[in-house]
Amino acid sequence: MPRDLAHQSAARPRVHARSAAALDLVDNHGQAVTAAGLYGSLAVIYGWFGGMKFTRYEAEGLVGLVSNNPLLSWTYSLFSIEGFSNLLGILELSIAALIVARLIKPIYSLVGGLLSAGLFATTLSFMVTTPGVFVPELGFPAISVAPGQFLLKDVGLFALSLWIAVDSLVALRAARA
């Protein structure tokens, strides 16, 4: 057998061993790493969005969404534009903290996941109530970039919120068993 072929066949067991070790790593830790990434990513999103709610820029950006929504339009009769945005910022930062608090107890992230799902269900209602979401001249399913596609991302974030709530509930029940 030529030297090159002998060298290649001798190297194959190491490649298979490395592949098997990588798969074992994924089998043993993949779920935990993925779950941590999901919790962390939603917490970062809420932290970022929540922090932005304290800027005039963000507060003004909410007016078209909130004022056209029957669930929320009344809030501007109680709060100023900045006041409502600040309140929403406090809520979003609180949700971020609750999701991160999964490290302490799953009950916190269960509450955070449920609050998050409620918030994203509310923002998804903007798809129906906000003018300019759909582009009728292009036909279904055409939606505008803003606010349409901006709001559409909330479908995935809503699902992630529910996943976090369910994962936290499972962990909570397992701890009690």
Protein backbone atom coordinates (compact mmCIF):
# COMPACT_ATOMS: atom_id res chain seq x y z
CA MET A 1 0.00 0.00 0.00
CA PRO A 2 1.42 3.40 -0.91
CA ARG A 3 2.46 5.57 2.01
CA ASP A 4 -0.21 8.27 1.34
CA LEU A 5 -3.09 5.77 1.43
CA ALA A 6 -1.78 4.12 4.58
CA HIS A 7 -1.50 7.55 6.24
CA GLN A 8 -5.08 8.50 5.24
CA SER A 9 -6.59 5.25 6.50
CA ALA A 10 -4.69 5.56 9.78
CA ALA A 11 -6.06 9.09 10.24
CA ARG A 12 -9.69 8.02 9.78
CA PRO A 13 -10.18 6.50 13.23
CA ARG A 14 -9.11 9.80 14.82
CA VAL A 15 -11.56 11.72 12.66
CA HIS A 16 -14.38 9.35 13.61
CA ALA A 17 -13.38 9.57 17.26
CA ARG A 18 -13.42 13.38 17.09
CA SER A 19 -16.82 13.34 15.39
CA ALA A 20 -18.18 10.97 18.01
CA ALA A 21 -16.76 13.13 20.80
CA ALA A 22 -18.35 16.24 19.28
CA LEU A 23 -21.70 14.47 19.01
CA ASP A 24 -21.38 13.28 22.61
CA LEU A 25 -20.73 16.88 23.65
CA VAL A 26 -23.85 18.01 21.82
CA ASP A 27 -25.86 15.12 23.31
CA ASN A 28 -24.69 15.91 26.83
CA HIS A 29 -24.71 19.72 26.81
CA GLY A 30 -26.52 20.93 23.67
CA GLN A 31 -29.92 21.38 25.29
CA ALA A 32 -28.52 23.32 28.24
CA VAL A 33 -26.37 25.57 26.05
CA THR A 34 -29.25 26.22 23.67
CA ALA A 35 -31.65 26.97 26.53
CA ALA A 36 -29.16 29.40 28.08
CA GLY A 37 -28.82 31.10 24.70
CA LEU A 38 -32.58 31.43 24.34
CA TYR A 39 -33.04 32.86 27.84
CA GLY A 40 -30.07 35.18 27.36
CA SER A 41 -31.15 36.42 23.95
CA LEU A 42 -34.64 37.36 25.11
CA ALA A 43 -33.20 39.08 28.19
CA VAL A 44 -30.83 41.10 25.96
CA ILE A 45 -33.69 42.07 23.66
CA TYR A 46 -35.80 43.24 26.60
CA GLY A 47 -32.87 45.04 28.19
CA TRP A 48 -32.12 46.89 24.98
CA PHE A 49 -35.73 47.69 24.08
CA GLY A 50 -36.51 48.61 27.69
CA GLY A 51 -33.55 50.96 27.91
CA MET A 52 -34.56 52.66 24.69
CA LYS A 53 -38.05 53.39 26.08
CA PHE A 54 -36.50 56.15 28.22
CA THR A 55 -35.53 58.16 25.12
CA ARG A 56 -37.77 60.72 23.43
CA TYR A 57 -36.97 59.07 20.09
CA GLU A 58 -38.50 55.77 21.19
CA ALA A 59 -41.42 57.39 22.98
CA GLU A 60 -42.39 59.27 19.81
CA GLY A 61 -41.98 56.09 17.76
CA LEU A 62 -44.67 54.35 19.82
CA VAL A 63 -47.38 56.95 19.22
CA GLY A 64 -48.57 55.57 15.87
CA LEU A 65 -48.77 52.05 17.25
CA VAL A 66 -50.37 52.82 20.61
CA SER A 67 -52.81 55.54 19.56
CA ASN A 68 -54.39 53.30 16.89
CA ASN A 69 -54.82 50.31 19.19
CA PRO A 70 -58.09 50.03 21.16
CA LEU A 71 -56.31 48.03 23.88
CA LEU A 72 -53.84 50.83 24.59
CA SER A 73 -55.00 54.11 23.04
CA TRP A 74 -56.63 55.18 26.32
CA THR A 75 -53.22 55.21 28.04
CA TYR A 76 -52.37 58.58 26.51
CA SER A 77 -55.29 60.10 28.43
CA LEU A 78 -53.61 58.97 31.67
CA PHE A 79 -49.92 59.37 30.81
CA SER A 80 -47.85 61.66 28.65
CA ILE A 81 -46.12 60.13 25.65
CA GLU A 82 -42.87 59.98 27.64
CA GLY A 83 -44.65 58.74 30.78
CA PHE A 84 -46.22 55.80 28.99
CA SER A 85 -42.93 54.96 27.29
CA ASN A 86 -41.10 55.10 30.63
CA LEU A 87 -43.69 52.80 32.19
CA LEU A 88 -43.26 50.39 29.32
CA GLY A 89 -39.48 50.61 29.76
CA ILE A 90 -39.81 49.66 33.42
CA LEU A 91 -42.00 46.70 32.45
CA GLU A 92 -39.55 45.53 29.78
CA LEU A 93 -36.52 45.86 32.08
CA SER A 94 -38.44 43.95 34.76
CA ILE A 95 -39.21 41.16 32.29
CA ALA A 96 -35.51 40.99 31.39
CA ALA A 97 -34.61 40.69 35.08
CA LEU A 98 -37.24 37.99 35.65
CA ILE A 99 -35.97 35.95 32.72
CA VAL A 100 -32.37 36.20 33.95
CA ALA A 101 -33.56 35.29 37.46
CA ARG A 102 -34.07 31.77 36.12
CA LEU A 103 -30.60 31.29 37.56
CA ILE A 104 -32.11 31.81 41.04
CA LYS A 105 -35.51 30.11 40.74
CA PRO A 106 -37.61 28.98 37.76
CA ILE A 107 -40.70 30.69 39.17
CA TYR A 108 -39.20 34.05 38.25
CA SER A 109 -38.62 33.14 34.62
CA LEU A 110 -42.07 31.51 34.49
CA VAL A 111 -43.59 34.88 35.44
CA GLY A 112 -41.22 36.67 33.04
CA GLY A 113 -42.12 34.33 30.18
CA LEU A 114 -45.85 34.81 30.77
CA LEU A 115 -45.52 38.60 30.98
CA SER A 116 -43.40 38.53 27.84
CA ALA A 117 -45.96 36.43 25.97
CA GLY A 118 -48.68 38.89 27.01
CA LEU A 119 -46.62 41.84 25.85
CA PHE A 120 -45.87 40.24 22.48
CA ALA A 121 -49.53 39.24 22.03
CA THR A 122 -50.34 42.91 22.55
CA THR A 123 -47.73 44.09 20.06
CA LEU A 124 -48.97 41.52 17.54
CA SER A 125 -52.41 43.12 17.80
CA PHE A 126 -50.77 46.22 16.28
CA MET A 127 -50.56 44.23 13.02
CA VAL A 128 -54.34 44.57 12.75
CA THR A 129 -54.83 48.06 14.19
CA THR A 130 -51.91 50.08 12.80
CA PRO A 131 -52.39 51.78 9.43
CA GLY A 132 -49.69 50.99 6.89
CA VAL A 133 -48.89 47.44 8.00
CA PHE A 134 -50.39 45.82 4.92
CA VAL A 135 -49.65 46.94 1.37
CA PRO A 136 -52.93 46.25 -0.46
CA GLU A 137 -51.63 47.29 -3.89
CA LEU A 138 -49.13 44.41 -3.72
CA GLY A 139 -51.73 41.87 -2.55
CA PHE A 140 -51.58 39.34 0.25
CA PRO A 141 -49.22 38.65 2.03
CA ALA A 142 -47.34 41.91 1.35
CA ILE A 143 -46.53 43.95 4.43
CA SER A 144 -44.53 47.12 4.82
CA VAL A 145 -40.99 47.15 6.16
CA ALA A 146 -42.07 49.44 8.97
CA PRO A 147 -44.28 48.85 10.79
CA GLY A 148 -45.23 45.50 9.16
CA GLN A 149 -41.99 43.53 9.15
CA PHE A 150 -40.91 45.22 12.39
CA LEU A 151 -44.00 43.76 14.09
CA LEU A 152 -43.84 40.37 12.37
CA LYS A 153 -40.69 39.43 14.31
CA ASP A 154 -42.87 39.36 17.40
CA VAL A 155 -44.40 36.06 16.23
CA GLY A 156 -41.07 34.36 16.97
CA LEU A 157 -40.52 36.33 20.17
CA PHE A 158 -44.02 35.37 21.34
CA ALA A 159 -43.21 31.70 20.72
CA LEU A 160 -39.88 32.06 22.54
CA SER A 161 -41.68 33.67 25.49
CA LEU A 162 -44.08 30.73 25.71
CA TRP A 163 -41.16 28.28 25.45
CA ILE A 164 -39.42 30.02 28.36
CA ALA A 165 -42.60 29.89 30.44
CA VAL A 166 -43.10 26.18 29.73
CA ASP A 167 -39.42 25.33 30.28
CA SER A 168 -39.53 27.20 33.59
CA LEU A 169 -42.72 25.40 34.63
CA VAL A 170 -41.15 22.03 33.84
CA ALA A 171 -38.08 22.94 35.91
CA LEU A 172 -40.27 24.17 38.74
CA ARG A 173 -42.33 20.97 38.80
CA ALA A 174 -39.18 18.82 38.61
CA ALA A 175 -37.72 20.64 41.62
CA ARG A 176 -40.87 19.95 43.63
CA ALA A 177 -40.95 16.25 42.73
